[in-house]
C-alpha atoms as a PDB file:
ATOM      1  CA  MET A   1     -66.308 -35.539  60.158  1.00  0.00           C
ATOM      2  CA  LYS A   2     -64.700 -36.252  63.538  1.00  0.00           C
ATOM      3  CA  THR A   3     -65.552 -39.942  63.213  1.00  0.00           C
ATOM      4  CA  LEU A   4     -63.675 -40.380  59.908  1.00  0.00           C
ATOM      5  CA  ASP A   5     -60.803 -42.823  60.096  1.00  0.00           C
ATOM      6  CA  LYS A   6     -57.273 -41.598  59.341  1.00  0.00           C
ATOM      7  CA  ARG A   7     -57.190 -43.160  55.882  1.00  0.00           C
ATOM      8  CA  ILE A   8     -60.282 -41.244  54.769  1.00  0.00           C
ATOM      9  CA  GLN A   9     -59.067 -38.016  56.382  1.00  0.00           C
ATOM     10  CA  THR A  10     -55.742 -38.343  54.533  1.00  0.00           C
ATOM     11  CA  ASP A  11     -57.551 -38.918  51.233  1.00  0.00           C
ATOM     12  CA  TYR A  12     -59.736 -35.850  51.805  1.00  0.00           C
ATOM     13  CA  LYS A  13     -56.715 -33.682  52.659  1.00  0.00           C
ATOM     14  CA  ASN A  14     -54.941 -34.828  49.495  1.00  0.00           C
ATOM     15  CA  ARG A  15     -57.951 -33.833  47.436  1.00  0.00           C
ATOM     16  CA  ILE A  16     -58.088 -30.421  49.135  1.00  0.00           C
ATOM     17  CA  ASN A  17     -54.353 -29.955  48.460  1.00  0.00           C
ATOM     18  CA  ARG A  18     -55.134 -30.542  44.792  1.00  0.00           C
ATOM     19  CA  VAL A  19     -57.821 -27.853  45.065  1.00  0.00           C
ATOM     20  CA  PHE A  20     -55.406 -25.358  46.693  1.00  0.00           C
ATOM     21  CA  LYS A  21     -52.951 -25.840  43.825  1.00  0.00           C
ATOM     22  CA  TYR A  22     -55.648 -25.553  41.170  1.00  0.00           C
ATOM     23  CA  ILE A  23     -57.078 -22.345  42.660  1.00  0.00           C
ATOM     24  CA  ASP A  24     -53.643 -20.706  42.935  1.00  0.00           C
ATOM     25  CA  GLU A  25     -52.913 -21.514  39.294  1.00  0.00           C
ATOM     26  CA  ASN A  26     -56.345 -20.517  37.954  1.00  0.00           C
ATOM     27  CA  LEU A  27     -57.477 -17.420  39.829  1.00  0.00           C
ATOM     28  CA  ASP A  28     -58.885 -15.996  36.564  1.00  0.00           C
ATOM     29  CA  ALA A  29     -60.996 -19.103  35.855  1.00  0.00           C
ATOM     30  CA  ASP A  30     -64.396 -20.443  36.884  1.00  0.00           C
ATOM     31  CA  LEU A  31     -63.933 -21.261  40.567  1.00  0.00           C
ATOM     32  CA  SER A  32     -67.571 -21.960  41.351  1.00  0.00           C
ATOM     33  CA  LEU A  33     -68.529 -24.635  43.864  1.00  0.00           C
ATOM     34  CA  ARG A  34     -69.542 -27.085  41.144  1.00  0.00           C
ATOM     35  CA  ALA A  35     -66.341 -26.569  39.125  1.00  0.00           C
ATOM     36  CA  ILE A  36     -64.033 -27.013  42.117  1.00  0.00           C
ATOM     37  CA  ALA A  37     -66.005 -29.956  43.508  1.00  0.00           C
ATOM     38  CA  ASP A  38     -65.323 -31.714  40.190  1.00  0.00           C
ATOM     39  CA  ILE A  39     -61.568 -31.102  40.659  1.00  0.00           C
ATOM     40  CA  ALA A  40     -61.782 -32.775  44.081  1.00  0.00           C
ATOM     41  CA  PHE A  41     -64.074 -35.603  42.864  1.00  0.00           C
ATOM     42  CA  PHE A  42     -66.775 -34.742  45.397  1.00  0.00           C
ATOM     43  CA  SER A  43     -70.399 -33.781  45.008  1.00  0.00           C
ATOM     44  CA  PRO A  44     -70.858 -30.009  45.534  1.00  0.00           C
ATOM     45  CA  TYR A  45     -72.730 -30.613  48.802  1.00  0.00           C
ATOM     46  CA  HIS A  46     -70.105 -32.968  50.196  1.00  0.00           C
ATOM     47  CA  PHE A  47     -67.212 -30.786  48.999  1.00  0.00           C
ATOM     48  CA  HIS A  48     -68.686 -27.709  50.695  1.00  0.00           C
ATOM     49  CA  ARG A  49     -68.739 -29.541  54.040  1.00  0.00           C
ATOM     50  CA  ILE A  50     -65.240 -31.033  53.657  1.00  0.00           C
ATOM     51  CA  PHE A  51     -63.628 -27.781  52.504  1.00  0.00           C
ATOM     52  CA  LYS A  52     -65.105 -25.740  55.345  1.00  0.00           C
ATOM     53  CA  TYR A  53     -64.118 -28.392  57.897  1.00  0.00           C
ATOM     54  CA  ILE A  54     -60.468 -28.340  56.761  1.00  0.00           C
ATOM     55  CA  THR A  55     -60.047 -24.594  56.084  1.00  0.00           C
ATOM     56  CA  ASN A  56     -62.689 -23.049  58.370  1.00  0.00           C
ATOM     57  CA  GLU A  57     -63.813 -21.006  55.329  1.00  0.00           C
ATOM     58  CA  THR A  58     -66.418 -21.490  52.636  1.00  0.00           C
ATOM     59  CA  LEU A  59     -65.020 -21.955  49.132  1.00  0.00           C
ATOM     60  CA  ARG A  60     -66.459 -18.602  48.044  1.00  0.00           C
ATOM     61  CA  ALA A  61     -64.826 -16.751  50.963  1.00  0.00           C
ATOM     62  CA  TYR A  62     -61.505 -18.525  50.352  1.00  0.00           C
ATOM     63  CA  VAL A  63     -61.455 -17.733  46.617  1.00  0.00           C
ATOM     64  CA  THR A  64     -62.385 -14.076  47.154  1.00  0.00           C
ATOM     65  CA  ARG A  65     -59.696 -13.701  49.816  1.00  0.00           C
ATOM     66  CA  ARG A  66     -57.023 -15.342  47.632  1.00  0.00           C
ATOM     67  CA  ARG A  67     -57.909 -13.113  44.675  1.00  0.00           C
ATOM     68  CA  LEU A  68     -57.801  -9.947  46.764  1.00  0.00           C
ATOM     69  CA  GLU A  69     -54.608 -10.866  48.632  1.00  0.00           C
ATOM     70  CA  LYS A  70     -52.824 -11.694  45.372  1.00  0.00           C
ATOM     71  CA  SER A  71     -54.046  -8.455  43.834  1.00  0.00           C
ATOM     72  CA  VAL A  72     -52.855  -6.334  46.754  1.00  0.00           C
ATOM     73  CA  LEU A  73     -49.414  -7.957  46.636  1.00  0.00           C
ATOM     74  CA  GLU A  74     -49.228  -7.173  42.923  1.00  0.00           C
ATOM     75  CA  LEU A  75     -50.292  -3.578  43.566  1.00  0.00           C
ATOM     76  CA  ARG A  76     -47.660  -3.373  46.289  1.00  0.00           C
ATOM     77  CA  HIS A  77     -44.734  -4.885  44.365  1.00  0.00           C
ATOM     78  CA  LYS A  78     -45.456  -4.145  40.691  1.00  0.00           C
ATOM     79  CA  ALA A  79     -46.599  -1.392  38.349  1.00  0.00           C
ATOM     80  CA  THR A  80     -49.401  -3.511  36.881  1.00  0.00           C
ATOM     81  CA  GLY A  81     -52.518  -1.552  35.870  1.00  0.00           C
ATOM     82  CA  ILE A  82     -55.761  -2.007  37.768  1.00  0.00           C
ATOM     83  CA  THR A  83     -57.650  -3.180  34.669  1.00  0.00           C
ATOM     84  CA  GLU A  84     -55.068  -5.911  34.055  1.00  0.00           C
ATOM     85  CA  ILE A  85     -55.110  -6.981  37.705  1.00  0.00           C
ATOM     86  CA  SER A  86     -58.917  -7.195  37.835  1.00  0.00           C
ATOM     87  CA  SER A  87     -58.889  -9.507  34.803  1.00  0.00           C
ATOM     88  CA  LYS A  88     -55.893 -11.516  35.995  1.00  0.00           C
ATOM     89  CA  TYR A  89     -57.571 -12.359  39.300  1.00  0.00           C
ATOM     90  CA  GLY A  90     -60.980 -13.338  38.002  1.00  0.00           C
ATOM     91  CA  PHE A  91     -63.139 -10.235  38.475  1.00  0.00           C
ATOM     92  CA  ASN A  92     -65.761  -9.503  35.817  1.00  0.00           C
ATOM     93  CA  ASP A  93     -64.672  -5.894  35.405  1.00  0.00           C
ATOM     94  CA  VAL A  94     -62.865  -3.045  37.165  1.00  0.00           C
ATOM     95  CA  SER A  95     -66.035  -1.985  38.974  1.00  0.00           C
ATOM     96  CA  SER A  96     -66.599  -5.372  40.608  1.00  0.00           C
ATOM     97  CA  PHE A  97     -62.896  -5.564  41.531  1.00  0.00           C
ATOM     98  CA  THR A  98     -63.003  -2.085  43.049  1.00  0.00           C
ATOM     99  CA  ARG A  99     -66.133  -2.858  45.089  1.00  0.00           C
ATOM    100  CA  ALA A 100     -64.680  -6.095  46.469  1.00  0.00           C
ATOM    101  CA  PHE A 101     -61.307  -4.480  47.182  1.00  0.00           C
ATOM    102  CA  LYS A 102     -62.848  -1.499  48.985  1.00  0.00           C
ATOM    103  CA  LYS A 103     -65.174  -3.715  51.028  1.00  0.00           C
ATOM    104  CA  TYR A 104     -62.275  -5.887  52.182  1.00  0.00           C
ATOM    105  CA  TYR A 105     -59.498  -3.308  52.589  1.00  0.00           C
ATOM    106  CA  GLY A 106     -61.341  -0.071  53.289  1.00  0.00           C
ATOM    107  CA  LEU A 107     -60.090   1.907  50.269  1.00  0.00           C
ATOM    108  CA  SER A 108     -60.068   1.569  46.496  1.00  0.00           C
ATOM    109  CA  PRO A 109     -57.227   0.005  44.455  1.00  0.00           C
ATOM    110  CA  THR A 110     -56.502   3.431  42.956  1.00  0.00           C
ATOM    111  CA  ALA A 111     -56.210   5.017  46.408  1.00  0.00           C
ATOM    112  CA  PHE A 112     -53.926   2.203  47.519  1.00  0.00           C
ATOM    113  CA  LYS A 113     -51.585   2.653  44.545  1.00  0.00           C
ATOM    114  CA  LYS A 114     -51.199   6.339  45.445  1.00  0.00           C
ATOM    115  CA  GLN A 115     -50.297   5.563  49.062  1.00  0.00           C
ATOM    116  CA  ASN A 116     -47.124   4.348  50.637  1.00  0.00           C
ATOM    117  CA  PRO A 117     -47.839   0.584  50.406  1.00  0.00           C
ATOM    118  CA  TYR A 118     -46.883   0.115  54.058  1.00  0.00           C
ATOM    119  CA  LYS A 119     -49.414   2.723  55.242  1.00  0.00           C
ATOM    120  CA  PHE A 120     -52.497   0.759  54.242  1.00  0.00           C
ATOM    121  CA  SER A 121     -55.601   0.366  56.384  1.00  0.00           C
ATOM    122  CA  LYS A 122     -56.240  -3.398  56.129  1.00  0.00           C
ATOM    123  CA  ILE A 123     -52.538  -4.219  56.490  1.00  0.00           C
ATOM    124  CA  ARG A 124     -52.439  -1.937  59.527  1.00  0.00           C
ATOM    125  CA  GLN A 125     -55.443  -3.771  60.983  1.00  0.00           C
ATOM    126  CA  LEU A 126     -53.845  -7.159  60.387  1.00  0.00           C
ATOM    127  CA  GLU A 127     -50.509  -6.083  61.856  1.00  0.00           C
ATOM    128  CA  SER A 128     -52.295  -4.707  64.902  1.00  0.00           C
ATOM    129  CA  LYS A 129     -54.281  -7.950  65.189  1.00  0.00           C
ATOM    130  CA  ASN A 130     -51.019  -9.886  64.991  1.00  0.00           C
ATOM    131  CA  GLY A 131     -49.636  -7.895  67.916  1.00  0.00           C
ATOM    132  CA  GLN A 132     -47.609  -5.473  65.797  1.00  0.00           C
ATOM    133  CA  GLU A 133     -47.918  -1.792  66.608  1.00  0.00           C
ATOM    134  CA  TYR A 134     -48.156   0.170  63.366  1.00  0.00           C
ATOM    135  CA  PRO A 135     -45.624   3.023  63.517  1.00  0.00           C
ATOM    136  CA  ASP A 136     -45.956   6.678  62.564  1.00  0.00           C
ATOM    137  CA  TYR A 137     -43.834   7.922  59.649  1.00  0.00           C
ATOM    138  CA  GLU A 138     -40.701   8.737  61.671  1.00  0.00           C
ATOM    139  CA  LYS A 139     -40.784   5.388  63.458  1.00  0.00           C
ATOM    140  CA  TYR A 140     -41.402   3.682  60.122  1.00  0.00           C
ATOM    141  CA  ILE A 141     -38.249   5.240  58.623  1.00  0.00           C
ATOM    142  CA  CYS A 142     -36.310   4.224  61.727  1.00  0.00           C
ATOM    143  CA  ILE A 143     -37.572   0.630  61.403  1.00  0.00           C
ATOM    144  CA  ILE A 144     -36.565   0.502  57.718  1.00  0.00           C
ATOM    145  CA  ASN A 145     -33.097   1.817  58.535  1.00  0.00           C
ATOM    146  CA  ASN A 146     -32.740  -0.741  61.332  1.00  0.00           C
ATOM    147  CA  LEU A 147     -33.777  -3.533  58.953  1.00  0.00           C
ATOM    148  CA  LYS A 148     -31.230  -2.379  56.365  1.00  0.00           C
ATOM    149  CA  GLU A 149     -28.544  -2.446  59.041  1.00  0.00           C
ATOM    150  CA  TRP A 150     -29.730  -5.882  60.237  1.00  0.00           C
ATOM    151  CA  ILE A 151     -29.416  -7.267  56.714  1.00  0.00           C
ATOM    152  CA  LYS A 152     -25.984  -5.699  56.299  1.00  0.00           C
ATOM    153  CA  MET A 153     -24.765  -7.298  59.532  1.00  0.00           C
ATOM    154  CA  ASN A 154     -26.493 -10.697  59.325  1.00  0.00           C
ATOM    155  CA  ALA A 155     -26.952 -11.730  55.683  1.00  0.00           C
ATOM    156  CA  LYS A 156     -24.797 -12.743  52.771  1.00  0.00           C
ATOM    157  CA  ILE A 157     -26.916 -11.922  49.708  1.00  0.00           C
ATOM    158  CA  ASP A 158     -26.531 -13.235  46.161  1.00  0.00           C
ATOM    159  CA  ILE A 159     -28.627 -13.218  42.988  1.00  0.00           C
ATOM    160  CA  LYS A 160     -28.766 -16.776  41.678  1.00  0.00           C
ATOM    161  CA  GLU A 161     -30.346 -18.848  38.954  1.00  0.00           C
ATOM    162  CA  THR A 162     -31.793 -21.628  41.070  1.00  0.00           C
ATOM    163  CA  PRO A 163     -32.420 -25.145  39.711  1.00  0.00           C
ATOM    164  CA  GLU A 164     -35.677 -27.051  39.692  1.00  0.00           C
ATOM    165  CA  ARG A 165     -36.164 -28.889  42.985  1.00  0.00           C
ATOM    166  CA  ASN A 166     -38.251 -31.981  43.622  1.00  0.00           C
ATOM    167  CA  LEU A 167     -39.852 -32.036  47.040  1.00  0.00           C
ATOM    168  CA  ALA A 168     -41.843 -34.229  49.376  1.00  0.00           C
ATOM    169  CA  GLY A 169     -44.116 -32.033  51.451  1.00  0.00           C
ATOM    170  CA  LEU A 170     -46.947 -31.608  53.929  1.00  0.00           C
ATOM    171  CA  THR A 171     -49.464 -28.770  53.833  1.00  0.00           C
ATOM    172  CA  HIS A 172     -49.767 -26.701  57.016  1.00  0.00           C
ATOM    173  CA  LEU A 173     -52.432 -24.066  57.753  1.00  0.00           C
ATOM    174  CA  GLY A 174     -51.774 -21.290  60.276  1.00  0.00           C
ATOM    175  CA  ILE A 175     -48.629 -20.109  62.009  1.00  0.00           C
ATOM    176  CA  ASN A 176     -49.134 -22.357  65.049  1.00  0.00           C
ATOM    177  CA  GLY A 177     -48.241 -26.033  65.255  1.00  0.00           C
ATOM    178  CA  VAL A 178     -45.485 -25.884  62.625  1.00  0.00           C
ATOM    179  CA  GLU A 179     -43.105 -27.905  64.798  1.00  0.00           C
ATOM    180  CA  GLN A 180     -45.495 -30.863  64.846  1.00  0.00           C
ATOM    181  CA  THR A 181     -45.718 -30.834  61.048  1.00  0.00           C
ATOM    182  CA  PHE A 182     -41.918 -30.865  60.809  1.00  0.00           C
ATOM    183  CA  GLU A 183     -41.869 -33.821  63.197  1.00  0.00           C
ATOM    184  CA  LYS A 184     -44.344 -35.728  60.995  1.00  0.00           C
ATOM    185  CA  LEU A 185     -42.212 -35.024  57.926  1.00  0.00           C
ATOM    186  CA  ILE A 186     -39.000 -36.156  59.634  1.00  0.00           C
ATOM    187  CA  LYS A 187     -40.659 -39.336  60.936  1.00  0.00           C
ATOM    188  CA  TRP A 188     -41.857 -40.164  57.420  1.00  0.00           C
ATOM    189  CA  ALA A 189     -38.433 -39.364  55.886  1.00  0.00           C
ATOM    190  CA  ASN A 190     -36.661 -41.584  58.419  1.00  0.00           C
ATOM    191  CA  SER A 191     -38.992 -44.445  57.556  1.00  0.00           C
ATOM    192  CA  LYS A 192     -37.820 -44.102  53.922  1.00  0.00           C
ATOM    193  CA  ASP A 193     -34.122 -43.538  54.807  1.00  0.00           C
ATOM    194  CA  LEU A 194     -34.258 -40.246  52.913  1.00  0.00           C
ATOM    195  CA  LEU A 195     -32.355 -38.271  55.543  1.00  0.00           C
ATOM    196  CA  LYS A 196     -29.253 -40.421  55.114  1.00  0.00           C
ATOM    197  CA  ASN A 197     -28.489 -38.507  51.915  1.00  0.00           C
ATOM    198  CA  PRO A 198     -26.392 -35.419  52.846  1.00  0.00           C
ATOM    199  CA  GLU A 199     -28.002 -33.504  49.961  1.00  0.00           C
ATOM    200  CA  THR A 200     -31.437 -33.804  51.558  1.00  0.00           C
ATOM    201  CA  LYS A 201     -32.583 -30.537  53.168  1.00  0.00           C
ATOM    202  CA  LEU A 202     -35.689 -29.405  55.042  1.00  0.00           C
ATOM    203  CA  GLY A 203     -37.531 -26.207  54.220  1.00  0.00           C
ATOM    204  CA  ARG A 204     -40.779 -24.281  53.825  1.00  0.00           C
ATOM    205  CA  ILE A 205     -42.686 -22.743  50.909  1.00  0.00           C
ATOM    206  CA  PHE A 206     -44.937 -19.779  51.756  1.00  0.00           C
ATOM    207  CA  TYR A 207     -48.126 -19.324  49.716  1.00  0.00           C
ATOM    208  CA  ASP A 208     -49.305 -16.322  51.737  1.00  0.00           C
ATOM    209  CA  SER A 209     -47.767 -13.183  53.191  1.00  0.00           C
ATOM    210  CA  VAL A 210     -48.304 -12.613  56.912  1.00  0.00           C
ATOM    211  CA  LYS A 211     -48.588  -8.924  56.026  1.00  0.00           C
ATOM    212  CA  VAL A 212     -51.919  -9.475  54.251  1.00  0.00           C
ATOM    213  CA  THR A 213     -53.190 -12.878  55.443  1.00  0.00           C
ATOM    214  CA  GLU A 214     -54.518 -13.527  58.928  1.00  0.00           C
ATOM    215  CA  PRO A 215     -52.282 -15.828  61.008  1.00  0.00           C
ATOM    216  CA  ASP A 216     -54.709 -18.769  61.185  1.00  0.00           C
ATOM    217  CA  LYS A 217     -55.174 -18.716  57.386  1.00  0.00           C
ATOM    218  CA  VAL A 218     -51.515 -18.580  56.305  1.00  0.00           C
ATOM    219  CA  ARG A 219     -50.764 -21.621  54.131  1.00  0.00           C
ATOM    220  CA  MET A 220     -47.341 -23.211  53.703  1.00  0.00           C
ATOM    221  CA  SER A 221     -45.718 -26.484  52.673  1.00  0.00           C
ATOM    222  CA  ILE A 222     -43.197 -28.096  55.001  1.00  0.00           C
ATOM    223  CA  PHE A 223     -40.870 -30.029  52.695  1.00  0.00           C
ATOM    224  CA  LEU A 224     -37.679 -31.931  52.193  1.00  0.00           C
ATOM    225  CA  THR A 225     -35.659 -31.826  48.986  1.00  0.00           C
ATOM    226  CA  THR A 226     -35.021 -35.217  47.491  1.00  0.00           C
ATOM    227  CA  ASN A 227     -33.650 -36.518  44.220  1.00  0.00           C
ATOM    228  CA  GLU A 228     -34.544 -40.035  45.328  1.00  0.00           C
ATOM    229  CA  PRO A 229     -37.879 -41.348  44.025  1.00  0.00           C
ATOM    230  CA  PHE A 230     -40.653 -41.949  46.519  1.00  0.00           C
ATOM    231  CA  GLU A 231     -44.248 -43.071  46.309  1.00  0.00           C
ATOM    232  CA  VAL A 232     -47.103 -40.838  47.352  1.00  0.00           C
ATOM    233  CA  ASP A 233     -48.536 -43.048  50.069  1.00  0.00           C
ATOM    234  CA  GLY A 234     -51.426 -40.895  51.225  1.00  0.00           C
ATOM    235  CA  LYS A 235     -49.264 -38.773  53.536  1.00  0.00           C
ATOM    236  CA  MET A 236     -46.859 -36.813  51.342  1.00  0.00           C
ATOM    237  CA  ASN A 237     -47.454 -34.492  48.405  1.00  0.00           C
ATOM    238  CA  LYS A 238     -45.064 -34.304  45.469  1.00  0.00           C
ATOM    239  CA  LEU A 239     -44.073 -30.665  45.014  1.00  0.00           C
ATOM    240  CA  THR A 240     -41.791 -28.776  42.647  1.00  0.00           C
ATOM    241  CA  ILE A 241     -39.922 -25.491  42.964  1.00  0.00           C
ATOM    242  CA  ASN A 242     -39.403 -24.217  39.432  1.00  0.00           C
ATOM    243  CA  THR A 243     -36.073 -23.069  38.081  1.00  0.00           C
ATOM    244  CA  GLY A 244     -35.727 -19.290  38.198  1.00  0.00           C
ATOM    245  CA  LYS A 245     -33.896 -16.213  39.345  1.00  0.00           C
ATOM    246  CA  CYS A 246     -33.862 -15.567  43.100  1.00  0.00           C
ATOM    247  CA  ILE A 247     -32.496 -13.239  45.724  1.00  0.00           C
ATOM    248  CA  VAL A 248     -30.821 -15.660  48.150  1.00  0.00           C
ATOM    249  CA  GLY A 249     -29.972 -14.502  51.660  1.00  0.00           C
ATOM    250  CA  ARG A 250     -27.792 -16.759  53.831  1.00  0.00           C
ATOM    251  CA  PHE A 251     -28.458 -16.184  57.547  1.00  0.00           C
ATOM    252  CA  GLU A 252     -27.261 -17.610  60.846  1.00  0.00           C
ATOM    253  CA  ILE A 253     -30.062 -16.543  63.170  1.00  0.00           C
ATOM    254  CA  ALA A 254     -32.086 -17.459  66.234  1.00  0.00           C
ATOM    255  CA  PRO A 255     -35.536 -18.998  65.554  1.00  0.00           C
ATOM    256  CA  ASN A 256     -37.310 -15.798  66.630  1.00  0.00           C
ATOM    257  CA  ASP A 257     -35.370 -13.706  64.063  1.00  0.00           C
ATOM    258  CA  PHE A 258     -36.972 -15.227  60.960  1.00  0.00           C
ATOM    259  CA  GLU A 259     -39.657 -12.562  60.529  1.00  0.00           C
ATOM    260  CA  LYS A 260     -37.098  -9.753  60.852  1.00  0.00           C
ATOM    261  CA  SER A 261     -34.825 -11.475  58.331  1.00  0.00           C
ATOM    262  CA  TRP A 262     -37.608 -11.966  55.782  1.00  0.00           C
ATOM    263  CA  THR A 263     -38.833  -8.379  56.125  1.00  0.00           C
ATOM    264  CA  GLY A 264     -35.281  -7.059  55.855  1.00  0.00           C
ATOM    265  CA  LEU A 265     -34.633  -9.136  52.728  1.00  0.00           C
ATOM    266  CA  PHE A 266     -37.763  -7.694  51.076  1.00  0.00           C
ATOM    267  CA  VAL A 267     -36.562  -4.193  52.010  1.00  0.00           C
ATOM    268  CA  TRP A 268     -33.203  -5.033  50.366  1.00  0.00           C
ATOM    269  CA  MET A 269     -35.097  -6.189  47.257  1.00  0.00           C
ATOM    270  CA  HIS A 270     -36.965  -2.876  46.956  1.00  0.00           C
ATOM    271  CA  GLU A 271     -33.892  -0.773  47.753  1.00  0.00           C
ATOM    272  CA  ASN A 272     -31.933  -2.494  44.977  1.00  0.00           C
ATOM    273  CA  GLY A 273     -34.606  -2.193  42.298  1.00  0.00           C
ATOM    274  CA  TYR A 274     -35.684  -5.828  42.014  1.00  0.00           C
ATOM    275  CA  LYS A 275     -39.298  -6.967  41.586  1.00  0.00           C
ATOM    276  CA  LYS A 276     -40.739 -10.143  43.046  1.00  0.00           C
ATOM    277  CA  SER A 277     -42.040 -12.678  40.546  1.00  0.00           C
ATOM    278  CA  MET A 278     -45.290 -14.572  41.015  1.00  0.00           C
ATOM    279  CA  GLU A 279     -43.436 -17.657  42.321  1.00  0.00           C
ATOM    280  CA  ASN A 280     -43.608 -18.331  46.058  1.00  0.00           C
ATOM    281  CA  PRO A 281     -40.805 -17.458  48.524  1.00  0.00           C
ATOM    282  CA  PHE A 282     -39.183 -20.367  50.323  1.00  0.00           C
ATOM    283  CA  GLU A 283     -36.484 -21.188  52.853  1.00  0.00           C
ATOM    284  CA  ILE A 284     -34.017 -24.094  53.078  1.00  0.00           C
ATOM    285  CA  TYR A 285     -32.263 -25.125  56.288  1.00  0.00           C
ATOM    286  CA  HIS A 286     -28.664 -26.310  56.515  1.00  0.00           C
ATOM    287  CA  ASN A 287     -28.581 -27.481  60.125  1.00  0.00           C
ATOM    288  CA  ASP A 288     -30.595 -28.519  63.147  1.00  0.00           C
ATOM    289  CA  PHE A 289     -30.549 -25.405  65.347  1.00  0.00           C
ATOM    290  CA  ARG A 290     -30.750 -27.605  68.448  1.00  0.00           C
ATOM    291  CA  GLU A 291     -27.259 -28.897  67.620  1.00  0.00           C
ATOM    292  CA  HIS A 292     -25.802 -25.400  67.089  1.00  0.00           C
ATOM    293  CA  PRO A 293     -23.685 -24.098  70.029  1.00  0.00           C
ATOM    294  CA  GLU A 294     -25.830 -20.926  70.105  1.00  0.00           C
ATOM    295  CA  ASN A 295     -29.081 -22.599  69.034  1.00  0.00           C
ATOM    296  CA  LYS A 296     -29.021 -20.769  65.705  1.00  0.00           C
ATOM    297  CA  CYS A 297     -30.421 -21.739  62.331  1.00  0.00           C
ATOM    298  CA  ILE A 298     -28.225 -21.664  59.241  1.00  0.00           C
ATOM    299  CA  VAL A 299     -30.780 -20.955  56.541  1.00  0.00           C
ATOM    300  CA  ASP A 300     -31.140 -19.619  53.001  1.00  0.00           C
ATOM    301  CA  LEU A 301     -34.146 -17.388  52.309  1.00  0.00           C
ATOM    302  CA  TYR A 302     -35.226 -17.249  48.654  1.00  0.00           C
ATOM    303  CA  ILE A 303     -37.266 -14.471  47.015  1.00  0.00           C
ATOM    304  CA  PRO A 304     -38.072 -15.328  43.364  1.00  0.00           C
ATOM    305  CA  ILE A 305     -37.641 -12.224  41.180  1.00  0.00           C
ATOM    306  CA  GLU A 306     -38.398 -11.203  37.598  1.00  0.00           C
END
């Protein structure tokens, strides 16, 4: 794999991006090695090697993780029944879903639904692994109150019907190295003169939650909005953000305040009785923070809601 030229590597990554999209949209379908290899136009043997090289996971491990992470987010944010969730995310029956869930998270789906969703063993393990100290109940309440105050002081929040957006994007895996992916996107956009349009904005779509996905496995798309046509030239993916209803928080924050702002906005969502839809959260930037007098980002955070 290391000897592949850049053209072949780009082609392989494009095929894997197609696989990511297909899996996310078909978690209840046949996601066997043979079926997914056909989507990528590889032999099963070759696809297995390519997929593991790019993601550092086998296809089976990736699919199981995606199904379980999506199910836990639905248990956390919605009142969906366990039977419906097990079917929706491709498990043969409730028993197989329960076994997989308990093996991965350390307790059953039923036990999780009865708990405070923030006091959950696997999430606690992940937060600890990510360097976050999981608080006791009193500290937890204090943190929530601080986040509510942070949002009150730092965000202008609206509920908006957002339009469909056409995007040019790059896939990025993991929370490290994001700056380099932005640099690649900007270099490509400059070569196409796309940044000359004042309506063009940079942003990110998040396909995973850092609360339930390990840092090196978090997947996102680094994108720019563009109404100008462009050709997919082996580097960029064409992406779409669907029209829909969103909580939109406008912030002017330092780069290290993004996590606090996102968490606070989700707290605001719960406090005000809204439920997240199955669309992916995203953020759109309105400035280059390096040109701000206080090095702050002016950014809109979007949570799609039902």
